[in-house]
Amino acid sequence: MDEKNIGLLEAIEVALKAEKKANEFYLDAYEKVTNEKGKDLLKQLADFEQNHYDKLNELKNSLKDKGEFIEYEGTEFRPFVAKSRAEISAKIEPDKEDVLNILSLAIDAETKAHEHYKKMAEETTDAKGKDMFEKLADEETMHRRILSDEFYMLSNKGGIWFWGD
């Protein structure tokens, strides 16, 4: 394995640790939030990060074993399906300050993850690898945007989650 791949494997290890930490963070936040919309968003984000972790692990093993990059299809959010839409939509988040803190920490983590994947994409010459890291960076940007929107709405629109509307 050449020196360039060793540096890439180290960058993948950093990303693996960050994805595992993000998954655990979102699962912990899921337990703290009472609103069904908030719980759904946080659970889906945890699932995203777990998928990122799994795909990065698959990439690491492929690079070590075969010296090859893998295809990455990307991940999509599932639509939110409310049990009772009117009841859930109007429910004010009782622990708004705690939730805003959770969202703020998550926004910072997603920003750092985006930057890490962008750098990996820039430093990778393989087309599959570049595509994978760009997709991961785009997904982290999407997470940051969604979290920022929720932060704004919870802060300025009466403490109500808007995820899924």
N, C-alpha and C. Protein backbone atom coordinates (compact mmCIF):
# COMPACT_ATOMS: atom_id res chain seq x y z
N MET A 1 0.86 -1.18 0.00
CA MET A 1 0.00 0.00 0.00
C MET A 1 0.90 1.24 0.00
N ASP A 2 0.62 2.19 -0.91
CA ASP A 2 1.48 3.36 -0.99
C ASP A 2 1.14 4.39 0.08
N GLU A 3 2.03 5.39 0.19
CA GLU A 3 1.91 6.41 1.23
C GLU A 3 0.61 7.21 1.12
N LYS A 4 0.18 7.45 -0.10
CA LYS A 4 -1.06 8.21 -0.32
C LYS A 4 -2.26 7.46 0.26
N ASN A 5 -2.32 6.14 0.03
CA ASN A 5 -3.42 5.34 0.57
C ASN A 5 -3.37 5.25 2.10
N ILE A 6 -2.16 5.26 2.66
CA ILE A 6 -2.04 5.24 4.12
C ILE A 6 -2.64 6.52 4.69
N GLY A 7 -2.37 7.67 4.06
CA GLY A 7 -2.97 8.94 4.49
C GLY A 7 -4.47 8.92 4.35
N LEU A 8 -4.95 8.32 3.29
CA LEU A 8 -6.40 8.20 3.06
C LEU A 8 -7.03 7.31 4.13
N LEU A 9 -6.37 6.20 4.44
CA LEU A 9 -6.90 5.31 5.48
C LEU A 9 -6.96 6.01 6.83
N GLU A 10 -5.98 6.85 7.11
CA GLU A 10 -6.01 7.63 8.36
C GLU A 10 -7.18 8.60 8.35
N ALA A 11 -7.42 9.25 7.22
CA ALA A 11 -8.56 10.17 7.10
C ALA A 11 -9.88 9.42 7.24
N ILE A 12 -9.94 8.22 6.70
CA ILE A 12 -11.15 7.39 6.84
C ILE A 12 -11.35 7.01 8.31
N GLU A 13 -10.27 6.69 9.02
CA GLU A 13 -10.38 6.36 10.45
C GLU A 13 -10.94 7.55 11.24
N VAL A 14 -10.48 8.75 10.92
CA VAL A 14 -11.00 9.96 11.57
C VAL A 14 -12.50 10.08 11.29
N ALA A 15 -12.88 9.86 10.04
CA ALA A 15 -14.30 9.95 9.65
C ALA A 15 -15.12 8.87 10.35
N LEU A 16 -14.59 7.66 10.45
CA LEU A 16 -15.30 6.57 11.13
C LEU A 16 -15.59 6.94 12.58
N LYS A 17 -14.60 7.48 13.26
CA LYS A 17 -14.80 7.88 14.66
C LYS A 17 -15.85 8.97 14.77
N ALA A 18 -15.80 9.93 13.85
CA ALA A 18 -16.77 11.03 13.87
C ALA A 18 -18.18 10.53 13.59
N GLU A 19 -18.32 9.61 12.64
CA GLU A 19 -19.65 9.07 12.32
C GLU A 19 -20.22 8.26 13.48
N LYS A 20 -19.37 7.49 14.14
CA LYS A 20 -19.82 6.71 15.30
C LYS A 20 -20.27 7.65 16.42
N LYS A 21 -19.48 8.69 16.65
CA LYS A 21 -19.81 9.67 17.68
C LYS A 21 -21.12 10.39 17.33
N ALA A 22 -21.29 10.73 16.06
CA ALA A 22 -22.52 11.41 15.62
C ALA A 22 -23.73 10.51 15.80
N ASN A 23 -23.59 9.24 15.43
CA ASN A 23 -24.68 8.28 15.61
C ASN A 23 -25.08 8.19 17.07
N GLU A 24 -24.11 8.05 17.95
CA GLU A 24 -24.39 7.97 19.39
C GLU A 24 -25.02 9.26 19.90
N PHE A 25 -24.54 10.40 19.41
CA PHE A 25 -25.09 11.70 19.82
C PHE A 25 -26.57 11.79 19.45
N TYR A 26 -26.89 11.43 18.20
CA TYR A 26 -28.28 11.52 17.75
C TYR A 26 -29.18 10.53 18.49
N LEU A 27 -28.68 9.34 18.77
CA LEU A 27 -29.48 8.37 19.53
C LEU A 27 -29.73 8.86 20.95
N ASP A 28 -28.72 9.47 21.56
CA ASP A 28 -28.88 10.04 22.90
C ASP A 28 -29.88 11.20 22.86
N ALA A 29 -29.75 12.06 21.86
CA ALA A 29 -30.68 13.19 21.72
C ALA A 29 -32.10 12.70 21.49
N TYR A 30 -32.24 11.63 20.72
CA TYR A 30 -33.55 11.02 20.46
C TYR A 30 -34.24 10.67 21.77
N GLU A 31 -33.49 10.15 22.72
CA GLU A 31 -34.05 9.77 24.02
C GLU A 31 -34.48 10.99 24.84
N LYS A 32 -33.84 12.12 24.62
CA LYS A 32 -34.13 13.33 25.41
C LYS A 32 -35.30 14.14 24.87
N VAL A 33 -35.56 14.04 23.58
CA VAL A 33 -36.61 14.84 22.95
C VAL A 33 -37.94 14.12 23.11
N THR A 34 -39.00 14.89 23.39
CA THR A 34 -40.32 14.28 23.59
C THR A 34 -41.22 14.40 22.37
N ASN A 35 -40.99 15.40 21.55
CA ASN A 35 -41.84 15.64 20.38
C ASN A 35 -41.59 14.58 19.31
N GLU A 36 -42.67 14.02 18.74
CA GLU A 36 -42.53 12.95 17.75
C GLU A 36 -41.80 13.41 16.49
N LYS A 37 -42.01 14.65 16.08
CA LYS A 37 -41.29 15.16 14.90
C LYS A 37 -39.79 15.23 15.18
N GLY A 38 -39.46 15.76 16.35
CA GLY A 38 -38.05 15.84 16.73
C GLY A 38 -37.42 14.47 16.85
N LYS A 39 -38.14 13.54 17.45
CA LYS A 39 -37.64 12.17 17.59
C LYS A 39 -37.39 11.54 16.22
N ASP A 40 -38.33 11.75 15.30
CA ASP A 40 -38.19 11.19 13.96
C ASP A 40 -36.95 11.74 13.26
N LEU A 41 -36.77 13.05 13.31
CA LEU A 41 -35.61 13.68 12.68
C LEU A 41 -34.31 13.13 13.28
N LEU A 42 -34.23 13.10 14.59
CA LEU A 42 -33.00 12.65 15.25
C LEU A 42 -32.72 11.17 14.98
N LYS A 43 -33.75 10.35 14.94
CA LYS A 43 -33.57 8.92 14.62
C LYS A 43 -33.08 8.74 13.19
N GLN A 44 -33.66 9.52 12.27
CA GLN A 44 -33.21 9.41 10.88
C GLN A 44 -31.76 9.89 10.73
N LEU A 45 -31.39 10.94 11.46
CA LEU A 45 -30.01 11.41 11.41
C LEU A 45 -29.07 10.33 11.98
N ALA A 46 -29.48 9.68 13.05
CA ALA A 46 -28.68 8.57 13.61
C ALA A 46 -28.51 7.47 12.57
N ASP A 47 -29.59 7.15 11.86
CA ASP A 47 -29.53 6.12 10.82
C ASP A 47 -28.60 6.53 9.68
N PHE A 48 -28.66 7.81 9.29
CA PHE A 48 -27.75 8.33 8.26
C PHE A 48 -26.31 8.11 8.68
N GLU A 49 -25.99 8.53 9.90
CA GLU A 49 -24.61 8.44 10.37
C GLU A 49 -24.16 6.98 10.48
N GLN A 50 -25.06 6.09 10.86
CA GLN A 50 -24.73 4.67 10.91
C GLN A 50 -24.44 4.15 9.51
N ASN A 51 -25.22 4.58 8.53
CA ASN A 51 -24.98 4.18 7.15
C ASN A 51 -23.64 4.72 6.66
N HIS A 52 -23.33 5.97 7.00
CA HIS A 52 -22.03 6.53 6.64
C HIS A 52 -20.91 5.68 7.24
N TYR A 53 -21.07 5.34 8.51
CA TYR A 53 -20.07 4.51 9.20
C TYR A 53 -19.89 3.17 8.47
N ASP A 54 -21.00 2.53 8.17
CA ASP A 54 -20.95 1.22 7.50
C ASP A 54 -20.26 1.32 6.15
N LYS A 55 -20.60 2.34 5.37
CA LYS A 55 -20.01 2.48 4.02
C LYS A 55 -18.53 2.84 4.11
N LEU A 56 -18.15 3.68 5.07
CA LEU A 56 -16.74 4.01 5.24
C LEU A 56 -15.94 2.78 5.67
N ASN A 57 -16.52 1.96 6.50
CA ASN A 57 -15.86 0.72 6.93
C ASN A 57 -15.69 -0.21 5.73
N GLU A 58 -16.73 -0.29 4.91
CA GLU A 58 -16.65 -1.10 3.68
C GLU A 58 -15.55 -0.56 2.76
N LEU A 59 -15.48 0.77 2.63
CA LEU A 59 -14.45 1.40 1.81
C LEU A 59 -13.05 1.08 2.36
N LYS A 60 -12.89 1.25 3.66
CA LYS A 60 -11.59 0.97 4.29
C LYS A 60 -11.15 -0.46 4.00
N ASN A 61 -12.05 -1.41 4.18
CA ASN A 61 -11.71 -2.81 3.93
C ASN A 61 -11.40 -3.07 2.46
N SER A 62 -12.15 -2.44 1.56
CA SER A 62 -11.90 -2.60 0.13
C SER A 62 -10.54 -2.02 -0.26
N LEU A 63 -10.21 -0.87 0.29
CA LEU A 63 -8.90 -0.27 -0.01
C LEU A 63 -7.76 -1.13 0.52
N LYS A 64 -7.93 -1.66 1.72
CA LYS A 64 -6.89 -2.52 2.30
C LYS A 64 -6.75 -3.83 1.53
N ASP A 65 -7.88 -4.47 1.21
CA ASP A 65 -7.86 -5.80 0.60
C ASP A 65 -7.58 -5.78 -0.90
N LYS A 66 -8.22 -4.84 -1.60
CA LYS A 66 -8.14 -4.84 -3.07
C LYS A 66 -7.52 -3.57 -3.65
N GLY A 67 -7.37 -2.54 -2.81
CA GLY A 67 -6.86 -1.26 -3.31
C GLY A 67 -7.88 -0.53 -4.16
N GLU A 68 -9.17 -0.85 -3.96
CA GLU A 68 -10.24 -0.27 -4.79
C GLU A 68 -11.24 0.53 -3.97
N PHE A 69 -11.73 1.58 -4.61
CA PHE A 69 -12.83 2.34 -4.02
C PHE A 69 -14.15 1.62 -4.29
N ILE A 70 -15.18 1.98 -3.54
CA ILE A 70 -16.50 1.36 -3.70
C ILE A 70 -17.49 2.40 -4.22
N GLU A 71 -18.60 1.91 -4.72
CA GLU A 71 -19.71 2.79 -5.13
C GLU A 71 -20.45 3.24 -3.88
N TYR A 72 -20.91 4.49 -3.87
CA TYR A 72 -21.76 4.98 -2.78
C TYR A 72 -22.99 5.60 -3.40
N GLU A 73 -24.13 5.00 -3.13
CA GLU A 73 -25.40 5.45 -3.71
C GLU A 73 -25.95 6.69 -3.03
N GLY A 74 -25.54 6.93 -1.81
CA GLY A 74 -26.12 8.02 -1.03
C GLY A 74 -27.27 7.49 -0.18
N THR A 75 -27.77 8.35 0.67
CA THR A 75 -28.85 8.00 1.59
C THR A 75 -29.93 9.06 1.50
N GLU A 76 -31.18 8.67 1.68
CA GLU A 76 -32.31 9.61 1.59
C GLU A 76 -33.09 9.59 2.90
N PHE A 77 -33.69 10.73 3.21
CA PHE A 77 -34.60 10.78 4.35
C PHE A 77 -35.91 10.08 3.99
N ARG A 78 -36.52 9.46 4.99
CA ARG A 78 -37.84 8.86 4.84
C ARG A 78 -38.87 9.93 5.19
N PRO A 79 -40.03 9.92 4.56
CA PRO A 79 -41.06 10.90 4.92
C PRO A 79 -41.54 10.67 6.35
N PHE A 80 -41.83 11.77 7.03
CA PHE A 80 -42.37 11.68 8.39
C PHE A 80 -43.85 11.37 8.30
N VAL A 81 -44.27 10.35 9.03
CA VAL A 81 -45.68 9.97 9.06
C VAL A 81 -46.17 10.12 10.50
N ALA A 82 -47.03 11.10 10.70
CA ALA A 82 -47.54 11.38 12.05
C ALA A 82 -48.66 10.43 12.39
N LYS A 83 -48.74 10.11 13.68
CA LYS A 83 -49.86 9.30 14.16
C LYS A 83 -51.13 10.13 14.13
N SER A 84 -51.03 11.34 14.65
CA SER A 84 -52.14 12.29 14.63
C SER A 84 -51.54 13.64 14.27
N ARG A 85 -51.57 13.97 13.00
CA ARG A 85 -50.86 15.14 12.47
C ARG A 85 -51.21 16.44 13.20
N ALA A 86 -52.47 16.71 13.44
CA ALA A 86 -52.86 17.96 14.09
C ALA A 86 -52.30 18.03 15.51
N GLU A 87 -52.38 16.94 16.21
CA GLU A 87 -51.89 16.91 17.60
C GLU A 87 -50.38 17.12 17.65
N ILE A 88 -49.64 16.47 16.78
CA ILE A 88 -48.18 16.57 16.79
C ILE A 88 -47.73 17.93 16.29
N SER A 89 -48.37 18.47 15.26
CA SER A 89 -47.96 19.75 14.68
C SER A 89 -48.06 20.89 15.67
N ALA A 90 -49.06 20.88 16.51
CA ALA A 90 -49.30 21.99 17.42
C ALA A 90 -48.55 21.86 18.74
N LYS A 91 -47.86 20.76 18.95
CA LYS A 91 -47.23 20.51 20.23
C LYS A 91 -45.94 21.33 20.39
N ILE A 92 -45.90 22.14 21.42
CA ILE A 92 -44.72 22.96 21.70
C ILE A 92 -43.68 22.10 22.41
N GLU A 93 -42.42 22.28 22.02
CA GLU A 93 -41.32 21.53 22.64
C GLU A 93 -41.13 22.03 24.07
N PRO A 94 -41.35 21.17 25.07
CA PRO A 94 -41.26 21.62 26.46
C PRO A 94 -39.83 21.92 26.93
N ASP A 95 -38.85 21.27 26.36
CA ASP A 95 -37.45 21.48 26.75
C ASP A 95 -36.70 22.23 25.65
N LYS A 96 -37.26 23.35 25.26
CA LYS A 96 -36.75 24.09 24.11
C LYS A 96 -35.26 24.43 24.24
N GLU A 97 -34.83 24.91 25.38
CA GLU A 97 -33.42 25.30 25.54
C GLU A 97 -32.48 24.10 25.39
N ASP A 98 -32.86 22.97 25.96
CA ASP A 98 -32.04 21.76 25.80
C ASP A 98 -31.99 21.33 24.33
N VAL A 99 -33.12 21.40 23.67
CA VAL A 99 -33.18 21.01 22.26
C VAL A 99 -32.34 21.96 21.41
N LEU A 100 -32.41 23.26 21.68
CA LEU A 100 -31.61 24.22 20.93
C LEU A 100 -30.12 23.95 21.13
N ASN A 101 -29.73 23.56 22.33
CA ASN A 101 -28.33 23.21 22.58
C ASN A 101 -27.94 21.97 21.78
N ILE A 102 -28.80 20.97 21.77
CA ILE A 102 -28.55 19.75 20.98
C ILE A 102 -28.39 20.11 19.50
N LEU A 103 -29.30 20.93 18.99
CA LEU A 103 -29.24 21.31 17.57
C LEU A 103 -27.98 22.10 17.27
N SER A 104 -27.59 22.99 18.17
CA SER A 104 -26.38 23.79 17.97
C SER A 104 -25.14 22.90 17.89
N LEU A 105 -25.02 21.96 18.80
CA LEU A 105 -23.89 21.02 18.77
C LEU A 105 -23.90 20.19 17.49
N ALA A 106 -25.08 19.76 17.08
CA ALA A 106 -25.20 18.95 15.86
C ALA A 106 -24.82 19.76 14.62
N ILE A 107 -25.23 21.02 14.57
CA ILE A 107 -24.88 21.89 13.43
C ILE A 107 -23.37 22.01 13.32
N ASP A 108 -22.70 22.24 14.45
CA ASP A 108 -21.23 22.34 14.45
C ASP A 108 -20.59 21.04 13.96
N ALA A 109 -21.08 19.91 14.44
CA ALA A 109 -20.51 18.61 14.04
C ALA A 109 -20.72 18.35 12.55
N GLU A 110 -21.91 18.68 12.05
CA GLU A 110 -22.19 18.48 10.62
C GLU A 110 -21.31 19.38 9.75
N THR A 111 -21.04 20.59 10.22
CA THR A 111 -20.15 21.50 9.49
C THR A 111 -18.75 20.91 9.39
N LYS A 112 -18.24 20.40 10.51
CA LYS A 112 -16.90 19.79 10.51
C LYS A 112 -16.86 18.55 9.62
N ALA A 113 -17.90 17.74 9.66
CA ALA A 113 -17.95 16.54 8.82
C ALA A 113 -17.93 16.93 7.35
N HIS A 114 -18.72 17.94 6.98
CA HIS A 114 -18.74 18.42 5.60
C HIS A 114 -17.33 18.82 5.16
N GLU A 115 -16.65 19.61 5.99
CA GLU A 115 -15.31 20.08 5.65
C GLU A 115 -14.34 18.90 5.49
N HIS A 116 -14.44 17.92 6.34
CA HIS A 116 -13.56 16.75 6.27
C HIS A 116 -13.78 15.99 4.96
N TYR A 117 -15.03 15.75 4.60
CA TYR A 117 -15.32 15.02 3.36
C TYR A 117 -14.94 15.83 2.12
N LYS A 118 -15.13 17.15 2.17
CA LYS A 118 -14.73 17.99 1.03
C LYS A 118 -13.23 17.88 0.81
N LYS A 119 -12.48 17.93 1.91
CA LYS A 119 -11.01 17.82 1.81
C LYS A 119 -10.63 16.45 1.25
N MET A 120 -11.30 15.40 1.72
CA MET A 120 -11.01 14.06 1.22
C MET A 120 -11.32 13.98 -0.28
N ALA A 121 -12.42 14.60 -0.71
CA ALA A 121 -12.78 14.59 -2.14
C ALA A 121 -11.72 15.31 -2.96
N GLU A 122 -11.24 16.44 -2.44
CA GLU A 122 -10.22 17.21 -3.17
C GLU A 122 -8.91 16.44 -3.30
N GLU A 123 -8.59 15.64 -2.29
CA GLU A 123 -7.31 14.93 -2.28
C GLU A 123 -7.37 13.56 -2.95
N THR A 124 -8.55 13.13 -3.36
CA THR A 124 -8.71 11.82 -3.98
C THR A 124 -8.75 11.97 -5.49
N THR A 125 -7.96 11.16 -6.18
CA THR A 125 -7.94 11.22 -7.64
C THR A 125 -8.88 10.20 -8.27
N ASP A 126 -9.20 9.14 -7.55
CA ASP A 126 -10.09 8.10 -8.06
C ASP A 126 -11.51 8.66 -8.21
N ALA A 127 -12.14 8.44 -9.36
CA ALA A 127 -13.48 8.99 -9.63
C ALA A 127 -14.53 8.47 -8.65
N LYS A 128 -14.51 7.17 -8.35
CA LYS A 128 -15.47 6.61 -7.39
C LYS A 128 -15.26 7.21 -6.00
N GLY A 129 -14.00 7.33 -5.61
CA GLY A 129 -13.68 7.89 -4.30
C GLY A 129 -14.11 9.34 -4.20
N LYS A 130 -13.80 10.11 -5.24
CA LYS A 130 -14.19 11.53 -5.26
C LYS A 130 -15.71 11.65 -5.18
N ASP A 131 -16.41 10.84 -5.96
CA ASP A 131 -17.88 10.86 -5.96
C ASP A 131 -18.43 10.51 -4.57
N MET A 132 -17.87 9.49 -3.94
CA MET A 132 -18.35 9.08 -2.62
C MET A 132 -18.15 10.20 -1.60
N PHE A 133 -16.96 10.79 -1.57
CA PHE A 133 -16.69 11.83 -0.58
C PHE A 133 -17.50 13.10 -0.85
N GLU A 134 -17.74 13.40 -2.13
CA GLU A 134 -18.59 14.55 -2.44
C GLU A 134 -20.03 14.31 -2.01
N LYS A 135 -20.53 13.09 -2.22
CA LYS A 135 -21.90 12.76 -1.77
C LYS A 135 -22.00 12.84 -0.25
N LEU A 136 -20.99 12.31 0.45
CA LEU A 136 -20.99 12.39 1.91
C LEU A 136 -20.98 13.85 2.37
N ALA A 137 -20.15 14.67 1.73
CA ALA A 137 -20.10 16.10 2.08
C ALA A 137 -21.45 16.76 1.83
N ASP A 138 -22.08 16.43 0.71
CA ASP A 138 -23.40 17.00 0.40
C ASP A 138 -24.45 16.56 1.42
N GLU A 139 -24.39 15.31 1.85
CA GLU A 139 -25.35 14.83 2.85
C GLU A 139 -25.15 15.55 4.18
N GLU A 140 -23.89 15.78 4.56
CA GLU A 140 -23.63 16.51 5.81
C GLU A 140 -24.13 17.96 5.69
N THR A 141 -24.00 18.56 4.51
CA THR A 141 -24.53 19.91 4.29
C THR A 141 -26.05 19.90 4.42
N MET A 142 -26.70 18.89 3.86
CA MET A 142 -28.15 18.78 3.96
C MET A 142 -28.56 18.64 5.43
N HIS A 143 -27.83 17.83 6.20
CA HIS A 143 -28.13 17.68 7.63
C HIS A 143 -28.02 19.03 8.34
N ARG A 144 -26.92 19.73 8.04
CA ARG A 144 -26.70 21.05 8.67
C ARG A 144 -27.84 22.00 8.33
N ARG A 145 -28.27 22.01 7.08
CA ARG A 145 -29.35 22.90 6.66
C ARG A 145 -30.65 22.57 7.39
N ILE A 146 -30.98 21.30 7.46
CA ILE A 146 -32.21 20.88 8.14
C ILE A 146 -32.14 21.24 9.62
N LEU A 147 -31.01 20.96 10.25
CA LEU A 147 -30.85 21.29 11.67
C LEU A 147 -30.91 22.80 11.90
N SER A 148 -30.31 23.57 11.00
CA SER A 148 -30.35 25.03 11.11
C SER A 148 -31.78 25.54 10.96
N ASP A 149 -32.52 24.96 10.02
CA ASP A 149 -33.93 25.35 9.85
C ASP A 149 -34.73 25.05 11.11
N GLU A 150 -34.53 23.88 11.69
CA GLU A 150 -35.24 23.53 12.92
C GLU A 150 -34.84 24.46 14.07
N PHE A 151 -33.55 24.78 14.14
CA PHE A 151 -33.08 25.70 15.18
C PHE A 151 -33.80 27.04 15.05
N TYR A 152 -33.85 27.56 13.83
CA TYR A 152 -34.53 28.83 13.58
C TYR A 152 -36.01 28.74 13.95
N MET A 153 -36.67 27.71 13.49
CA MET A 153 -38.11 27.59 13.74
C MET A 153 -38.41 27.43 15.23
N LEU A 154 -37.64 26.61 15.91
CA LEU A 154 -37.86 26.43 17.35
C LEU A 154 -37.57 27.72 18.12
N SER A 155 -36.56 28.47 17.67
CA SER A 155 -36.19 29.71 18.35
C SER A 155 -37.19 30.83 18.09
N ASN A 156 -37.68 30.91 16.86
CA ASN A 156 -38.43 32.09 16.44
C ASN A 156 -39.91 31.86 16.15
N LYS A 157 -40.34 30.62 16.12
CA LYS A 157 -41.72 30.33 15.74
C LYS A 157 -42.48 29.58 16.83
N GLY A 158 -42.21 29.94 18.07
CA GLY A 158 -43.02 29.43 19.17
C GLY A 158 -42.64 28.07 19.73
N GLY A 159 -41.44 27.58 19.43
CA GLY A 159 -41.01 26.32 20.02
C GLY A 159 -41.65 25.09 19.41
N ILE A 160 -42.05 25.18 18.16
CA ILE A 160 -42.71 24.06 17.48
C ILE A 160 -41.77 23.47 16.42
N TRP A 161 -41.66 22.15 16.40
CA TRP A 161 -40.88 21.46 15.37
C TRP A 161 -41.64 21.55 14.05
N PHE A 162 -40.90 21.77 12.97
CA PHE A 162 -41.51 21.83 11.64
C PHE A 162 -41.08 20.69 10.74
N TRP A 163 -40.24 19.80 11.25
CA TRP A 163 -39.78 18.65 10.47
C TRP A 163 -40.98 17.87 9.94
N GLY A 164 -40.96 17.59 8.65
CA GLY A 164 -42.02 16.79 8.05
C GLY A 164 -43.19 17.58 7.52
N ASP A 165 -43.23 18.89 7.79
CA ASP A 165 -44.33 19.71 7.26
C ASP A 165 -44.08 20.08 5.81
